[in-house]
């Protein structure tokens, strides 16, 4: 009985690793859009007269809540 060995995958060169982006385009668009939404929500909350800490929390909540929605909407 003859056994066949699978060839070892070629090791990635440092040049190949450097050409791959840190984040995909989809991830970048989703995160930047969520950031803008969070900034708008936080800014509008602050303009209503609520404290800055509460506005930051509102902005962070808006960013976190919009991220999964944007991920499913933007394809």
PDB file of N, CA and C in Angstrom:
ATOM      1  N   UNK A   1       0.841  -1.163   0.000  1.00  0.00           N
ATOM      2  CA  UNK A   1       0.000   0.000   0.000  1.00  0.00           C
ATOM      3  C   UNK A   1       0.894   1.236   0.000  1.00  0.00           C
ATOM      4  N   UNK A   2       0.583   2.145  -0.880  1.00  0.00           N
ATOM      5  CA  UNK A   2       1.365   3.367  -0.999  1.00  0.00           C
ATOM      6  C   UNK A   2       0.606   4.514  -0.337  1.00  0.00           C
ATOM      7  N   UNK A   3       1.316   5.266   0.466  1.00  0.00           N
ATOM      8  CA  UNK A   3       0.695   6.428   1.097  1.00  0.00           C
ATOM      9  C   UNK A   3       1.224   7.682   0.443  1.00  0.00           C
ATOM     10  N   UNK A   4       0.357   8.614   0.253  1.00  0.00           N
ATOM     11  CA  UNK A   4       0.736   9.892  -0.349  1.00  0.00           C
ATOM     12  C   UNK A   4       0.762  10.951   0.746  1.00  0.00           C
ATOM     13  N   UNK A   5       1.827  11.674   0.777  1.00  0.00           N
ATOM     14  CA  UNK A   5       1.927  12.763   1.743  1.00  0.00           C
ATOM     15  C   UNK A   5       1.516  14.052   1.060  1.00  0.00           C
ATOM     16  N   UNK A   6       0.754  14.839   1.803  1.00  0.00           N
ATOM     17  CA  UNK A   6       0.371  16.144   1.271  1.00  0.00           C
ATOM     18  C   UNK A   6       1.569  17.072   1.334  1.00  0.00           C
ATOM     19  N   UNK A   7       1.791  17.820   0.271  1.00  0.00           N
ATOM     20  CA  UNK A   7       2.919  18.754   0.319  1.00  0.00           C
ATOM     21  C   UNK A   7       2.664  19.849   1.348  1.00  0.00           C
ATOM     22  N   UNK A   8       3.707  20.277   1.977  1.00  0.00           N
ATOM     23  CA  UNK A   8       3.608  21.346   2.968  1.00  0.00           C
ATOM     24  C   UNK A   8       3.300  22.656   2.260  1.00  0.00           C
ATOM     25  N   UNK A   9       2.376  23.452   2.826  1.00  0.00           N
ATOM     26  CA  UNK A   9       2.096  24.758   2.204  1.00  0.00           C
ATOM     27  C   UNK A   9       3.328  25.653   2.315  1.00  0.00           C
ATOM     28  N   UNK A  10       3.505  26.427   1.302  1.00  0.00           N
ATOM     29  CA  UNK A  10       4.643  27.339   1.291  1.00  0.00           C
ATOM     30  C   UNK A  10       4.471  28.389   2.382  1.00  0.00           C
ATOM     31  N   UNK A  11       5.527  28.664   3.073  1.00  0.00           N
ATOM     32  CA  UNK A  11       5.479  29.675   4.136  1.00  0.00           C
ATOM     33  C   UNK A  11       5.281  31.050   3.511  1.00  0.00           C
ATOM     34  N   UNK A  12       4.483  31.858   4.189  1.00  0.00           N
ATOM     35  CA  UNK A  12       4.256  33.210   3.691  1.00  0.00           C
ATOM     36  C   UNK A  12       5.511  34.038   3.858  1.00  0.00           C
ATOM     37  N   UNK A  13       5.812  34.759   2.834  1.00  0.00           N
ATOM     38  CA  UNK A  13       6.967  35.642   2.924  1.00  0.00           C
ATOM     39  C   UNK A  13       6.541  36.934   3.617  1.00  0.00           C
ATOM     40  N   UNK A  14       7.462  37.666   4.191  1.00  0.00           N
ATOM     41  CA  UNK A  14       7.109  38.942   4.829  1.00  0.00           C
ATOM     42  C   UNK A  14       6.469  39.915   3.856  1.00  0.00           C
ATOM     43  N   UNK A  15       6.821  39.810   2.592  1.00  0.00           N
ATOM     44  CA  UNK A  15       6.235  40.709   1.589  1.00  0.00           C
ATOM     45  C   UNK A  15       4.745  40.414   1.412  1.00  0.00           C
ATOM     46  N   UNK A  16       4.343  39.132   1.419  1.00  0.00           N
ATOM     47  CA  UNK A  16       2.932  38.778   1.281  1.00  0.00           C
ATOM     48  C   UNK A  16       2.120  39.260   2.480  1.00  0.00           C
ATOM     49  N   UNK A  17       2.690  39.142   3.660  1.00  0.00           N
ATOM     50  CA  UNK A  17       1.983  39.584   4.861  1.00  0.00           C
ATOM     51  C   UNK A  17       1.818  41.101   4.877  1.00  0.00           C
ATOM     52  N   UNK A  18       2.760  41.809   4.284  1.00  0.00           N
ATOM     53  CA  UNK A  18       2.688  43.270   4.283  1.00  0.00           C
ATOM     54  C   UNK A  18       1.664  43.785   3.282  1.00  0.00           C
ATOM     55  N   UNK A  19       1.338  43.013   2.261  1.00  0.00           N
ATOM     56  CA  UNK A  19       0.397  43.494   1.254  1.00  0.00           C
ATOM     57  C   UNK A  19      -1.053  43.275   1.660  1.00  0.00           C
ATOM     58  N   UNK A  20      -1.302  42.409   2.648  1.00  0.00           N
ATOM     59  CA  UNK A  20      -2.667  42.175   3.084  1.00  0.00           C
ATOM     60  C   UNK A  20      -3.105  43.322   3.995  1.00  0.00           C
ATOM     61  N   UNK A  21      -4.321  43.834   3.783  1.00  0.00           N
ATOM     62  CA  UNK A  21      -4.784  44.944   4.631  1.00  0.00           C
ATOM     63  C   UNK A  21      -5.087  44.471   6.041  1.00  0.00           C
ATOM     64  N   UNK A  22      -4.961  45.380   6.980  1.00  0.00           N
ATOM     65  CA  UNK A  22      -5.258  45.070   8.381  1.00  0.00           C
ATOM     66  C   UNK A  22      -6.746  44.807   8.562  1.00  0.00           C
ATOM     67  N   UNK A  23      -7.580  45.626   7.925  1.00  0.00           N
ATOM     68  CA  UNK A  23      -9.029  45.449   7.957  1.00  0.00           C
ATOM     69  C   UNK A  23      -9.539  45.389   6.523  1.00  0.00           C
ATOM     70  N   UNK A  24     -10.586  44.610   6.312  1.00  0.00           N
ATOM     71  CA  UNK A  24     -11.178  44.573   4.985  1.00  0.00           C
ATOM     72  C   UNK A  24     -11.945  45.876   4.734  1.00  0.00           C
ATOM     73  N   UNK A  25     -12.254  46.099   3.482  1.00  0.00           N
ATOM     74  CA  UNK A  25     -12.991  47.317   3.118  1.00  0.00           C
ATOM     75  C   UNK A  25     -14.369  47.318   3.779  1.00  0.00           C
ATOM     76  N   UNK A  26     -15.018  46.173   3.826  1.00  0.00           N
ATOM     77  CA  UNK A  26     -16.342  46.078   4.446  1.00  0.00           C
ATOM     78  C   UNK A  26     -16.281  46.453   5.922  1.00  0.00           C
ATOM     79  N   UNK A  27     -15.306  45.922   6.640  1.00  0.00           N
ATOM     80  CA  UNK A  27     -15.167  46.216   8.061  1.00  0.00           C
ATOM     81  C   UNK A  27     -14.884  47.686   8.291  1.00  0.00           C
ATOM     82  N   UNK A  28     -14.034  48.259   7.461  1.00  0.00           N
ATOM     83  CA  UNK A  28     -13.691  49.674   7.599  1.00  0.00           C
ATOM     84  C   UNK A  28     -14.907  50.563   7.381  1.00  0.00           C
ATOM     85  N   UNK A  29     -15.688  50.268   6.363  1.00  0.00           N
ATOM     86  CA  UNK A  29     -16.881  51.077   6.080  1.00  0.00           C
ATOM     87  C   UNK A  29     -17.890  50.958   7.212  1.00  0.00           C
ATOM     88  N   UNK A  30     -18.097  49.745   7.715  1.00  0.00           N
ATOM     89  CA  UNK A  30     -19.056  49.537   8.805  1.00  0.00           C
ATOM     90  C   UNK A  30     -18.616  50.291  10.052  1.00  0.00           C
ATOM     91  N   UNK A  31     -17.339  50.165  10.434  1.00  0.00           N
ATOM     92  CA  UNK A  31     -16.864  50.816  11.656  1.00  0.00           C
ATOM     93  C   UNK A  31     -16.851  52.340  11.533  1.00  0.00           C
ATOM     94  N   UNK A  32     -16.465  52.861  10.383  1.00  0.00           N
ATOM     95  CA  UNK A  32     -16.471  54.319  10.216  1.00  0.00           C
ATOM     96  C   UNK A  32     -17.888  54.877  10.213  1.00  0.00           C
ATOM     97  N   UNK A  33     -18.808  54.166   9.592  1.00  0.00           N
ATOM     98  CA  UNK A  33     -20.202  54.619   9.592  1.00  0.00           C
ATOM     99  C   UNK A  33     -20.783  54.567  11.004  1.00  0.00           C
ATOM    100  N   UNK A  34     -20.472  53.515  11.741  1.00  0.00           N
ATOM    101  CA  UNK A  34     -20.941  53.413  13.132  1.00  0.00           C
ATOM    102  C   UNK A  34     -20.338  54.527  13.980  1.00  0.00           C
ATOM    103  N   UNK A  35     -19.088  54.870  13.730  1.00  0.00           N
ATOM    104  CA  UNK A  35     -18.447  55.966  14.463  1.00  0.00           C
ATOM    105  C   UNK A  35     -19.138  57.296  14.180  1.00  0.00           C
ATOM    106  N   UNK A  36     -19.463  57.547  12.931  1.00  0.00           N
ATOM    107  CA  UNK A  36     -20.161  58.798  12.583  1.00  0.00           C
ATOM    108  C   UNK A  36     -21.539  58.839  13.249  1.00  0.00           C
ATOM    109  N   UNK A  37     -22.238  57.717  13.238  1.00  0.00           N
ATOM    110  CA  UNK A  37     -23.550  57.670  13.896  1.00  0.00           C
ATOM    111  C   UNK A  37     -23.401  57.941  15.386  1.00  0.00           C
ATOM    112  N   UNK A  38     -22.404  57.356  16.017  1.00  0.00           N
ATOM    113  CA  UNK A  38     -22.168  57.583  17.444  1.00  0.00           C
ATOM    114  C   UNK A  38     -21.819  59.024  17.742  1.00  0.00           C
ATOM    115  N   UNK A  39     -21.014  59.638  16.882  1.00  0.00           N
ATOM    116  CA  UNK A  39     -20.667  61.052  17.083  1.00  0.00           C
ATOM    117  C   UNK A  39     -21.894  61.959  16.943  1.00  0.00           C
ATOM    118  N   UNK A  40     -22.729  61.669  15.988  1.00  0.00           N
ATOM    119  CA  UNK A  40     -23.945  62.472  15.796  1.00  0.00           C
ATOM    120  C   UNK A  40     -24.873  62.315  17.000  1.00  0.00           C
ATOM    121  N   UNK A  41     -25.076  61.085  17.442  1.00  0.00           N
ATOM    122  CA  UNK A  41     -25.952  60.859  18.599  1.00  0.00           C
ATOM    123  C   UNK A  41     -25.379  61.530  19.845  1.00  0.00           C
ATOM    124  N   UNK A  42     -24.092  61.375  20.060  1.00  0.00           N
ATOM    125  CA  UNK A  42     -23.463  62.013  21.221  1.00  0.00           C
ATOM    126  C   UNK A  42     -23.522  63.523  21.160  1.00  0.00           C
ATOM    127  N   UNK A  43     -23.282  64.086  19.987  1.00  0.00           N
ATOM    128  CA  UNK A  43     -23.341  65.543  19.829  1.00  0.00           C
ATOM    129  C   UNK A  43     -24.743  66.092  20.046  1.00  0.00           C
ATOM    130  N   UNK A  44     -25.716  65.424  19.461  1.00  0.00           N
ATOM    131  CA  UNK A  44     -27.094  65.887  19.647  1.00  0.00           C
ATOM    132  C   UNK A  44     -27.548  65.736  21.095  1.00  0.00           C
ATOM    133  N   UNK A  45     -27.101  64.684  21.736  1.00  0.00           N
ATOM    134  CA  UNK A  45     -27.440  64.499  23.152  1.00  0.00           C
ATOM    135  C   UNK A  45     -26.824  65.595  23.999  1.00  0.00           C
ATOM    136  N   UNK A  46     -25.580  65.952  23.700  1.00  0.00           N
ATOM    137  CA  UNK A  46     -24.912  67.008  24.452  1.00  0.00           C
ATOM    138  C   UNK A  46     -25.597  68.359  24.240  1.00  0.00           C
ATOM    139  N   UNK A  47     -26.080  68.600  23.034  1.00  0.00           N
ATOM    140  CA  UNK A  47     -26.750  69.874  22.732  1.00  0.00           C
ATOM    141  C   UNK A  47     -28.094  70.012  23.440  1.00  0.00           C
ATOM    142  N   UNK A  48     -28.649  68.922  23.911  1.00  0.00           N
ATOM    143  CA  UNK A  48     -29.917  69.018  24.633  1.00  0.00           C
ATOM    144  C   UNK A  48     -29.730  69.515  26.058  1.00  0.00           C
ATOM    145  N   UNK A  49     -28.482  69.606  26.517  1.00  0.00           N
ATOM    146  CA  UNK A  49     -28.226  70.120  27.852  1.00  0.00           C
ATOM    147  C   UNK A  49     -27.858  69.050  28.860  1.00  0.00           C
ATOM    148  N   UNK A  50     -27.754  67.837  28.411  1.00  0.00           N
ATOM    149  CA  UNK A  50     -27.364  66.739  29.308  1.00  0.00           C
ATOM    150  C   UNK A  50     -25.852  66.795  29.482  1.00  0.00           C
ATOM    151  N   UNK A  51     -25.350  66.241  30.576  1.00  0.00           N
ATOM    152  CA  UNK A  51     -23.920  66.295  30.868  1.00  0.00           C
ATOM    153  C   UNK A  51     -23.104  65.588  29.786  1.00  0.00           C
ATOM    154  N   UNK A  52     -21.826  65.944  29.730  1.00  0.00           N
ATOM    155  CA  UNK A  52     -20.940  65.385  28.714  1.00  0.00           C
ATOM    156  C   UNK A  52     -20.774  63.871  28.901  1.00  0.00           C
ATOM    157  N   UNK A  53     -20.732  63.419  30.141  1.00  0.00           N
ATOM    158  CA  UNK A  53     -20.578  61.984  30.386  1.00  0.00           C
ATOM    159  C   UNK A  53     -21.771  61.204  29.843  1.00  0.00           C
ATOM    160  N   UNK A  54     -22.953  61.730  30.039  1.00  0.00           N
ATOM    161  CA  UNK A  54     -24.148  61.057  29.524  1.00  0.00           C
ATOM    162  C   UNK A  54     -24.172  61.083  28.003  1.00  0.00           C
ATOM    163  N   UNK A  55     -23.683  62.168  27.406  1.00  0.00           N
ATOM    164  CA  UNK A  55     -23.634  62.254  25.952  1.00  0.00           C
ATOM    165  C   UNK A  55     -22.642  61.246  25.382  1.00  0.00           C
ATOM    166  N   UNK A  56     -21.514  61.075  26.067  1.00  0.00           N
ATOM    167  CA  UNK A  56     -20.532  60.082  25.618  1.00  0.00           C
ATOM    168  C   UNK A  56     -21.120  58.680  25.702  1.00  0.00           C
ATOM    169  N   UNK A  57     -21.815  58.393  26.784  1.00  0.00           N
ATOM    170  CA  UNK A  57     -22.457  57.083  26.911  1.00  0.00           C
ATOM    171  C   UNK A  57     -23.521  56.869  25.836  1.00  0.00           C
ATOM    172  N   UNK A  58     -24.259  57.896  25.514  1.00  0.00           N
ATOM    173  CA  UNK A  58     -25.261  57.780  24.454  1.00  0.00           C
ATOM    174  C   UNK A  58     -24.589  57.532  23.105  1.00  0.00           C
ATOM    175  N   UNK A  59     -23.484  58.221  22.851  1.00  0.00           N
ATOM    176  CA  UNK A  59     -22.757  58.015  21.602  1.00  0.00           C
ATOM    177  C   UNK A  59     -22.162  56.624  21.505  1.00  0.00           C
ATOM    178  N   UNK A  60     -21.601  56.134  22.603  1.00  0.00           N
ATOM    179  CA  UNK A  60     -21.042  54.783  22.604  1.00  0.00           C
ATOM    180  C   UNK A  60     -22.134  53.727  22.421  1.00  0.00           C
ATOM    181  N   UNK A  61     -23.270  53.961  23.033  1.00  0.00           N
ATOM    182  CA  UNK A  61     -24.388  53.040  22.871  1.00  0.00           C
ATOM    183  C   UNK A  61     -24.889  53.045  21.429  1.00  0.00           C
ATOM    184  N   UNK A  62     -24.980  54.224  20.840  1.00  0.00           N
ATOM    185  CA  UNK A  62     -25.395  54.319  19.439  1.00  0.00           C
ATOM    186  C   UNK A  62     -24.416  53.638  18.502  1.00  0.00           C
ATOM    187  N   UNK A  63     -23.132  53.779  18.781  1.00  0.00           N
ATOM    188  CA  UNK A  63     -22.112  53.135  17.959  1.00  0.00           C
ATOM    189  C   UNK A  63     -22.214  51.622  18.068  1.00  0.00           C
ATOM    190  N   UNK A  64     -22.330  51.143  19.291  1.00  0.00           N
ATOM    191  CA  UNK A  64     -22.408  49.700  19.497  1.00  0.00           C
ATOM    192  C   UNK A  64     -23.672  49.085  18.938  1.00  0.00           C
ATOM    193  N   UNK A  65     -24.768  49.799  19.059  1.00  0.00           N
ATOM    194  CA  UNK A  65     -26.039  49.266  18.564  1.00  0.00           C
ATOM    195  C   UNK A  65     -26.123  49.298  17.041  1.00  0.00           C
ATOM    196  N   UNK A  66     -25.463  50.264  16.416  1.00  0.00           N
ATOM    197  CA  UNK A  66     -25.551  50.373  14.961  1.00  0.00           C
ATOM    198  C   UNK A  66     -24.584  49.449  14.233  1.00  0.00           C
ATOM    199  N   UNK A  67     -23.548  48.973  14.921  1.00  0.00           N
ATOM    200  CA  UNK A  67     -22.550  48.139  14.243  1.00  0.00           C
ATOM    201  C   UNK A  67     -23.134  46.843  13.677  1.00  0.00           C
ATOM    202  N   UNK A  68     -23.860  46.022  14.437  1.00  0.00           N
ATOM    203  CA  UNK A  68     -24.406  44.796  13.832  1.00  0.00           C
ATOM    204  C   UNK A  68     -25.451  45.074  12.741  1.00  0.00           C
ATOM    205  N   UNK A  69     -26.202  46.153  12.920  1.00  0.00           N
ATOM    206  CA  UNK A  69     -27.205  46.501  11.907  1.00  0.00           C
ATOM    207  C   UNK A  69     -26.516  46.903  10.611  1.00  0.00           C
ATOM    208  N   UNK A  70     -25.482  47.732  10.714  1.00  0.00           N
ATOM    209  CA  UNK A  70     -24.753  48.149   9.520  1.00  0.00           C
ATOM    210  C   UNK A  70     -24.054  46.966   8.864  1.00  0.00           C
ATOM    211  N   UNK A  71     -23.564  46.051   9.676  1.00  0.00           N
ATOM    212  CA  UNK A  71     -22.876  44.877   9.124  1.00  0.00           C
ATOM    213  C   UNK A  71     -23.802  44.069   8.236  1.00  0.00           C
ATOM    214  N   UNK A  72     -25.060  43.962   8.632  1.00  0.00           N
ATOM    215  CA  UNK A  72     -26.006  43.189   7.823  1.00  0.00           C
ATOM    216  C   UNK A  72     -26.542  44.011   6.643  1.00  0.00           C
ATOM    217  N   UNK A  73     -26.567  45.333   6.764  1.00  0.00           N
ATOM    218  CA  UNK A  73     -27.101  46.164   5.688  1.00  0.00           C
ATOM    219  C   UNK A  73     -26.078  46.439   4.591  1.00  0.00           C
ATOM    220  N   UNK A  74     -24.829  46.619   4.958  1.00  0.00           N
ATOM    221  CA  UNK A  74     -23.782  46.962   3.997  1.00  0.00           C
ATOM    222  C   UNK A  74     -23.126  45.672   3.536  1.00  0.00           C
ATOM    223  N   UNK A  75     -23.266  45.378   2.276  1.00  0.00           N
ATOM    224  CA  UNK A  75     -22.650  44.170   1.715  1.00  0.00           C
ATOM    225  C   UNK A  75     -21.917  44.474   0.465  1.00  0.00           C
TER     226      UNK A  75
END
